[in-house]
């Protein structure tokens, strides 16, 4: 099947038409297009020197909050009250850290300046959400951000500057948000260790209809 070329019209082909997870190229990162994409199980993911590439992988990697694996060591760390957490206290710093932090797996470079600007706009409109983790010195040492529509959280990226702080952020998101599904988009061993799993794309789309 061909990869679709988007025009200025706010429309996407059905996500089931994606080839090897890639559905379309082009378009823009306007709030209207991004929200339409997420509502239909589609997300942008591309590098600085590429056109915007829209993805809809099948199967889809997700995390059901009730299946989140909070290890004994993570529970103990949270109980120590070494860290404090917040929601939407500093979205811009969270996305900057996600963009710039050095990662062992090499990921993170896909957050281009254009992507950063687009999600800050979504945040100001009330759709993009961040979780911040601060240490006792009030330094931002972990966090995550994504888009929330209804009871579905579409996770975009997370970071840790101190051990396990991204896990603390995820635990806090699950505890404080009435979400039914976290879209992790693509597989990572880190999220698998926390309870992430694959589900068929058609099942994922049914969840979107029910909870967004």
C-alpha atoms as a PDB file:
ATOM      1  CA  UNK A   1       0.000   0.000   0.000  1.00  0.00           C
ATOM      2  CA  UNK A   2       1.215   3.536  -0.680  1.00  0.00           C
ATOM      3  CA  UNK A   3       2.240   5.995   2.019  1.00  0.00           C
ATOM      4  CA  UNK A   4      -0.209   8.871   1.806  1.00  0.00           C
ATOM      5  CA  UNK A   5       0.868  12.457   1.112  1.00  0.00           C
ATOM      6  CA  UNK A   6      -1.117  14.880   3.255  1.00  0.00           C
ATOM      7  CA  UNK A   7      -2.423  18.187   1.936  1.00  0.00           C
ATOM      8  CA  UNK A   8      -3.648  21.283   3.758  1.00  0.00           C
ATOM      9  CA  UNK A   9      -6.989  19.528   4.342  1.00  0.00           C
ATOM     10  CA  UNK A  10      -7.478  18.295   7.924  1.00  0.00           C
ATOM     11  CA  UNK A  11      -7.914  14.645   7.073  1.00  0.00           C
ATOM     12  CA  UNK A  12      -6.017  11.397   7.605  1.00  0.00           C
ATOM     13  CA  UNK A  13      -6.431   8.029   5.918  1.00  0.00           C
ATOM     14  CA  UNK A  14      -7.665   5.244   8.183  1.00  0.00           C
ATOM     15  CA  UNK A  15      -4.847   4.054  10.477  1.00  0.00           C
ATOM     16  CA  UNK A  16      -5.325   0.459   9.328  1.00  0.00           C
ATOM     17  CA  UNK A  17      -3.838   1.520   5.971  1.00  0.00           C
ATOM     18  CA  UNK A  18      -0.401   2.125   7.496  1.00  0.00           C
ATOM     19  CA  UNK A  19       2.483   0.193   5.968  1.00  0.00           C
ATOM     20  CA  UNK A  20       5.059  -1.029   8.490  1.00  0.00           C
ATOM     21  CA  UNK A  21       3.545   1.467  10.901  1.00  0.00           C
ATOM     22  CA  UNK A  22       3.919   4.480   8.581  1.00  0.00           C
ATOM     23  CA  UNK A  23       0.645   5.982   7.421  1.00  0.00           C
ATOM     24  CA  UNK A  24       1.377   9.360   5.845  1.00  0.00           C
ATOM     25  CA  UNK A  25       3.880  12.164   5.341  1.00  0.00           C
ATOM     26  CA  UNK A  26       3.521  15.933   5.194  1.00  0.00           C
ATOM     27  CA  UNK A  27       0.926  18.204   6.696  1.00  0.00           C
ATOM     28  CA  UNK A  28       1.747  20.323   9.712  1.00  0.00           C
ATOM     29  CA  UNK A  29       1.831  20.239  13.509  1.00  0.00           C
ATOM     30  CA  UNK A  30      -1.071  22.591  14.100  1.00  0.00           C
ATOM     31  CA  UNK A  31      -3.107  21.858  17.247  1.00  0.00           C
ATOM     32  CA  UNK A  32      -6.089  20.927  15.101  1.00  0.00           C
ATOM     33  CA  UNK A  33      -4.157  18.343  13.082  1.00  0.00           C
ATOM     34  CA  UNK A  34      -2.401  16.894  16.130  1.00  0.00           C
ATOM     35  CA  UNK A  35      -5.670  16.449  18.018  1.00  0.00           C
ATOM     36  CA  UNK A  36      -7.313  14.838  14.993  1.00  0.00           C
ATOM     37  CA  UNK A  37      -4.347  12.490  14.716  1.00  0.00           C
ATOM     38  CA  UNK A  38      -4.445  11.392  18.348  1.00  0.00           C
ATOM     39  CA  UNK A  39      -8.209  10.898  18.236  1.00  0.00           C
ATOM     40  CA  UNK A  40      -7.619   8.429  15.401  1.00  0.00           C
ATOM     41  CA  UNK A  41      -4.640   6.584  16.859  1.00  0.00           C
ATOM     42  CA  UNK A  42      -2.021   8.411  14.773  1.00  0.00           C
ATOM     43  CA  UNK A  43       1.079  10.259  15.987  1.00  0.00           C
ATOM     44  CA  UNK A  44       4.030  12.167  14.455  1.00  0.00           C
ATOM     45  CA  UNK A  45       7.557  10.807  14.828  1.00  0.00           C
ATOM     46  CA  UNK A  46      10.406  11.940  12.603  1.00  0.00           C
ATOM     47  CA  UNK A  47      13.911  13.401  12.559  1.00  0.00           C
ATOM     48  CA  UNK A  48      15.031  16.983  11.987  1.00  0.00           C
ATOM     49  CA  UNK A  49      16.001  16.441   8.347  1.00  0.00           C
ATOM     50  CA  UNK A  50      12.793  14.599   7.381  1.00  0.00           C
ATOM     51  CA  UNK A  51       9.257  15.652   6.451  1.00  0.00           C
ATOM     52  CA  UNK A  52       6.630  15.051   9.138  1.00  0.00           C
ATOM     53  CA  UNK A  53       5.971  11.303   9.274  1.00  0.00           C
ATOM     54  CA  UNK A  54       2.691  10.024  10.752  1.00  0.00           C
ATOM     55  CA  UNK A  55       2.598   6.593  12.372  1.00  0.00           C
ATOM     56  CA  UNK A  56      -0.086   4.076  13.317  1.00  0.00           C
ATOM     57  CA  UNK A  57       1.726   0.846  14.259  1.00  0.00           C
ATOM     58  CA  UNK A  58      -0.036  -2.486  14.496  1.00  0.00           C
ATOM     59  CA  UNK A  59       0.177  -3.938  17.085  1.00  0.00           C
ATOM     60  CA  UNK A  60       0.194  -0.975  19.451  1.00  0.00           C
ATOM     61  CA  UNK A  61       2.296  -0.851  22.611  1.00  0.00           C
ATOM     62  CA  UNK A  62       0.224   0.296  25.600  1.00  0.00           C
ATOM     63  CA  UNK A  63       0.150   0.249  29.374  1.00  0.00           C
ATOM     64  CA  UNK A  64      -3.038  -0.406  31.298  1.00  0.00           C
ATOM     65  CA  UNK A  65      -2.782   1.532  34.598  1.00  0.00           C
ATOM     66  CA  UNK A  66      -4.060  -1.404  36.638  1.00  0.00           C
ATOM     67  CA  UNK A  67      -1.224  -3.542  35.238  1.00  0.00           C
ATOM     68  CA  UNK A  68       1.517  -1.062  36.142  1.00  0.00           C
ATOM     69  CA  UNK A  69       4.312  -2.977  37.865  1.00  0.00           C
ATOM     70  CA  UNK A  70       5.351  -0.940  40.874  1.00  0.00           C
ATOM     71  CA  UNK A  71       8.316  -2.859  42.239  1.00  0.00           C
ATOM     72  CA  UNK A  72       9.044  -3.160  45.949  1.00  0.00           C
ATOM     73  CA  UNK A  73      12.114  -0.936  45.556  1.00  0.00           C
ATOM     74  CA  UNK A  74      10.045   1.738  43.772  1.00  0.00           C
ATOM     75  CA  UNK A  75       7.404   1.632  46.516  1.00  0.00           C
ATOM     76  CA  UNK A  76      10.099   2.064  49.157  1.00  0.00           C
ATOM     77  CA  UNK A  77      11.673   4.957  47.243  1.00  0.00           C
ATOM     78  CA  UNK A  78       8.325   6.754  47.004  1.00  0.00           C
ATOM     79  CA  UNK A  79       7.643   6.221  50.719  1.00  0.00           C
ATOM     80  CA  UNK A  80      10.952   7.874  51.643  1.00  0.00           C
ATOM     81  CA  UNK A  81       9.530  11.211  50.423  1.00  0.00           C
ATOM     82  CA  UNK A  82      12.878  12.062  48.869  1.00  0.00           C
ATOM     83  CA  UNK A  83      11.015  13.456  45.867  1.00  0.00           C
ATOM     84  CA  UNK A  84       7.950  15.608  45.345  1.00  0.00           C
ATOM     85  CA  UNK A  85       5.776  15.433  42.256  1.00  0.00           C
ATOM     86  CA  UNK A  86       3.465  17.826  40.463  1.00  0.00           C
ATOM     87  CA  UNK A  87       1.329  17.985  37.343  1.00  0.00           C
ATOM     88  CA  UNK A  88       1.652  20.831  34.823  1.00  0.00           C
ATOM     89  CA  UNK A  89       3.904  22.881  37.098  1.00  0.00           C
ATOM     90  CA  UNK A  90       6.601  23.321  34.450  1.00  0.00           C
ATOM     91  CA  UNK A  91       5.666  21.743  31.125  1.00  0.00           C
ATOM     92  CA  UNK A  92       8.253  23.656  29.113  1.00  0.00           C
ATOM     93  CA  UNK A  93      11.170  22.515  31.269  1.00  0.00           C
ATOM     94  CA  UNK A  94       9.978  18.911  31.104  1.00  0.00           C
ATOM     95  CA  UNK A  95       9.841  18.843  27.310  1.00  0.00           C
ATOM     96  CA  UNK A  96      13.226  20.611  27.106  1.00  0.00           C
ATOM     97  CA  UNK A  97      14.765  17.953  29.334  1.00  0.00           C
ATOM     98  CA  UNK A  98      13.171  15.157  27.312  1.00  0.00           C
ATOM     99  CA  UNK A  99      14.614  16.727  24.180  1.00  0.00           C
ATOM    100  CA  UNK A 100      18.130  17.354  25.438  1.00  0.00           C
ATOM    101  CA  UNK A 101      18.937  14.559  27.882  1.00  0.00           C
ATOM    102  CA  UNK A 102      21.551  12.017  26.837  1.00  0.00           C
ATOM    103  CA  UNK A 103      20.004   8.578  26.453  1.00  0.00           C
ATOM    104  CA  UNK A 104      21.767   5.253  26.400  1.00  0.00           C
ATOM    105  CA  UNK A 105      19.433   4.013  23.656  1.00  0.00           C
ATOM    106  CA  UNK A 106      20.062   7.076  21.482  1.00  0.00           C
ATOM    107  CA  UNK A 107      16.420   8.158  21.544  1.00  0.00           C
ATOM    108  CA  UNK A 108      15.307  11.721  22.182  1.00  0.00           C
ATOM    109  CA  UNK A 109      16.618  13.486  19.068  1.00  0.00           C
ATOM    110  CA  UNK A 110      13.206  13.117  17.420  1.00  0.00           C
ATOM    111  CA  UNK A 111      11.893  16.022  19.548  1.00  0.00           C
ATOM    112  CA  UNK A 112      12.678  18.735  17.035  1.00  0.00           C
ATOM    113  CA  UNK A 113      12.288  22.461  17.708  1.00  0.00           C
ATOM    114  CA  UNK A 114       9.063  22.305  15.685  1.00  0.00           C
ATOM    115  CA  UNK A 115       7.752  19.439  17.816  1.00  0.00           C
ATOM    116  CA  UNK A 116       8.676  21.244  21.033  1.00  0.00           C
ATOM    117  CA  UNK A 117       6.829  24.376  19.949  1.00  0.00           C
ATOM    118  CA  UNK A 118       3.770  22.388  18.830  1.00  0.00           C
ATOM    119  CA  UNK A 119       3.364  20.555  22.142  1.00  0.00           C
ATOM    120  CA  UNK A 120       3.852  23.720  24.161  1.00  0.00           C
ATOM    121  CA  UNK A 121       0.915  25.138  22.175  1.00  0.00           C
ATOM    122  CA  UNK A 122      -1.122  22.012  22.959  1.00  0.00           C
ATOM    123  CA  UNK A 123      -0.274  22.426  26.624  1.00  0.00           C
ATOM    124  CA  UNK A 124      -1.440  26.039  26.638  1.00  0.00           C
ATOM    125  CA  UNK A 125      -4.716  24.837  25.104  1.00  0.00           C
ATOM    126  CA  UNK A 126      -5.118  22.301  27.921  1.00  0.00           C
ATOM    127  CA  UNK A 127      -4.413  19.091  26.006  1.00  0.00           C
ATOM    128  CA  UNK A 128      -0.728  18.363  26.656  1.00  0.00           C
ATOM    129  CA  UNK A 129       0.202  17.405  30.204  1.00  0.00           C
ATOM    130  CA  UNK A 130       3.415  17.053  32.169  1.00  0.00           C
ATOM    131  CA  UNK A 131       4.485  15.398  35.404  1.00  0.00           C
ATOM    132  CA  UNK A 132       7.468  16.847  37.258  1.00  0.00           C
ATOM    133  CA  UNK A 133       9.668  15.178  39.871  1.00  0.00           C
ATOM    134  CA  UNK A 134      11.759  17.395  42.171  1.00  0.00           C
ATOM    135  CA  UNK A 135      14.467  16.393  44.625  1.00  0.00           C
ATOM    136  CA  UNK A 136      14.972  17.889  48.083  1.00  0.00           C
ATOM    137  CA  UNK A 137      16.944  20.772  46.541  1.00  0.00           C
ATOM    138  CA  UNK A 138      13.874  21.601  44.428  1.00  0.00           C
ATOM    139  CA  UNK A 139      15.732  20.575  41.260  1.00  0.00           C
ATOM    140  CA  UNK A 140      13.761  19.060  38.394  1.00  0.00           C
ATOM    141  CA  UNK A 141      15.250  15.562  38.142  1.00  0.00           C
ATOM    142  CA  UNK A 142      12.602  13.562  36.301  1.00  0.00           C
ATOM    143  CA  UNK A 143       9.345  13.791  34.459  1.00  0.00           C
ATOM    144  CA  UNK A 144       7.228  12.941  31.480  1.00  0.00           C
ATOM    145  CA  UNK A 145       4.822  14.597  29.076  1.00  0.00           C
ATOM    146  CA  UNK A 146       2.099  13.585  26.680  1.00  0.00           C
ATOM    147  CA  UNK A 147      -1.363  14.379  25.391  1.00  0.00           C
ATOM    148  CA  UNK A 148      -4.508  13.518  27.316  1.00  0.00           C
ATOM    149  CA  UNK A 149      -7.860  13.150  25.590  1.00  0.00           C
ATOM    150  CA  UNK A 150     -10.640  11.987  27.852  1.00  0.00           C
ATOM    151  CA  UNK A 151      -9.345   8.998  29.814  1.00  0.00           C
ATOM    152  CA  UNK A 152      -6.502   8.128  27.427  1.00  0.00           C
ATOM    153  CA  UNK A 153      -2.984   9.460  27.956  1.00  0.00           C
ATOM    154  CA  UNK A 154      -0.769   9.422  24.875  1.00  0.00           C
ATOM    155  CA  UNK A 155       2.748   9.267  26.284  1.00  0.00           C
ATOM    156  CA  UNK A 156       5.366  11.163  24.321  1.00  0.00           C
ATOM    157  CA  UNK A 157       8.600  11.089  26.301  1.00  0.00           C
ATOM    158  CA  UNK A 158      10.110  10.843  29.782  1.00  0.00           C
ATOM    159  CA  UNK A 159      13.458  11.588  31.380  1.00  0.00           C
ATOM    160  CA  UNK A 160      15.471  10.821  34.506  1.00  0.00           C
ATOM    161  CA  UNK A 161      18.390  12.755  35.934  1.00  0.00           C
ATOM    162  CA  UNK A 162      18.389  10.644  39.089  1.00  0.00           C
ATOM    163  CA  UNK A 163      17.721   6.919  39.322  1.00  0.00           C
ATOM    164  CA  UNK A 164      14.084   5.848  38.857  1.00  0.00           C
ATOM    165  CA  UNK A 165      12.642   9.369  38.724  1.00  0.00           C
ATOM    166  CA  UNK A 166      10.828   8.703  35.433  1.00  0.00           C
ATOM    167  CA  UNK A 167       9.194   5.687  37.110  1.00  0.00           C
ATOM    168  CA  UNK A 168       8.131   7.922  39.995  1.00  0.00           C
ATOM    169  CA  UNK A 169       6.589  10.323  37.456  1.00  0.00           C
ATOM    170  CA  UNK A 170       4.655   7.497  35.808  1.00  0.00           C
ATOM    171  CA  UNK A 171       3.437   6.181  39.155  1.00  0.00           C
ATOM    172  CA  UNK A 172       2.268   9.677  40.087  1.00  0.00           C
ATOM    173  CA  UNK A 173       0.442  10.121  36.767  1.00  0.00           C
ATOM    174  CA  UNK A 174      -1.426   6.846  37.290  1.00  0.00           C
ATOM    175  CA  UNK A 175      -2.276   7.670  40.909  1.00  0.00           C
ATOM    176  CA  UNK A 176      -3.501  11.217  40.263  1.00  0.00           C
ATOM    177  CA  UNK A 177      -5.210  10.853  36.858  1.00  0.00           C
ATOM    178  CA  UNK A 178      -8.388   8.971  36.087  1.00  0.00           C
ATOM    179  CA  UNK A 179      -6.955   7.360  32.968  1.00  0.00           C
ATOM    180  CA  UNK A 180      -7.932   3.987  31.549  1.00  0.00           C
ATOM    181  CA  UNK A 181      -5.149   3.552  29.010  1.00  0.00           C
ATOM    182  CA  UNK A 182      -1.637   4.869  28.388  1.00  0.00           C
ATOM    183  CA  UNK A 183      -0.539   4.808  24.758  1.00  0.00           C
ATOM    184  CA  UNK A 184       3.190   4.088  24.763  1.00  0.00           C
ATOM    185  CA  UNK A 185       3.130   4.108  20.932  1.00  0.00           C
ATOM    186  CA  UNK A 186       6.175   1.923  20.295  1.00  0.00           C
ATOM    187  CA  UNK A 187       7.987  -0.769  22.240  1.00  0.00           C
ATOM    188  CA  UNK A 188      10.706  -0.035  24.760  1.00  0.00           C
ATOM    189  CA  UNK A 189      12.196  -2.575  27.157  1.00  0.00           C
ATOM    190  CA  UNK A 190      11.881   0.025  29.935  1.00  0.00           C
ATOM    191  CA  UNK A 191       8.108   0.248  29.547  1.00  0.00           C
ATOM    192  CA  UNK A 192       7.773  -3.493  29.111  1.00  0.00           C
ATOM    193  CA  UNK A 193       9.430  -3.930  32.521  1.00  0.00           C
ATOM    194  CA  UNK A 194       6.736  -1.642  33.951  1.00  0.00           C
ATOM    195  CA  UNK A 195       3.865  -3.644  32.473  1.00  0.00           C
ATOM    196  CA  UNK A 196       3.654  -2.431  28.878  1.00  0.00           C
ATOM    197  CA  UNK A 197       2.148  -4.837  26.360  1.00  0.00           C
ATOM    198  CA  UNK A 198       1.076  -5.098  22.735  1.00  0.00           C
ATOM    199  CA  UNK A 199      -2.556  -5.014  21.672  1.00  0.00           C
ATOM    200  CA  UNK A 200      -3.954  -5.148  18.104  1.00  0.00           C
ATOM    201  CA  UNK A 201      -4.515  -1.769  16.460  1.00  0.00           C
ATOM    202  CA  UNK A 202      -8.243  -2.420  16.003  1.00  0.00           C
ATOM    203  CA  UNK A 203      -8.565  -3.096  19.739  1.00  0.00           C
ATOM    204  CA  UNK A 204      -6.648   0.105  20.491  1.00  0.00           C
ATOM    205  CA  UNK A 205      -8.996   2.101  18.240  1.00  0.00           C
ATOM    206  CA  UNK A 206     -12.003   0.691  20.115  1.00  0.00           C
ATOM    207  CA  UNK A 207     -10.484   1.948  23.372  1.00  0.00           C
ATOM    208  CA  UNK A 208     -10.123   5.396  21.797  1.00  0.00           C
ATOM    209  CA  UNK A 209     -13.788   5.460  20.780  1.00  0.00           C
ATOM    210  CA  UNK A 210     -14.822   4.461  24.274  1.00  0.00           C
ATOM    211  CA  UNK A 211     -12.607   6.714  26.383  1.00  0.00           C
ATOM    212  CA  UNK A 212     -11.754   9.860  24.358  1.00  0.00           C
END
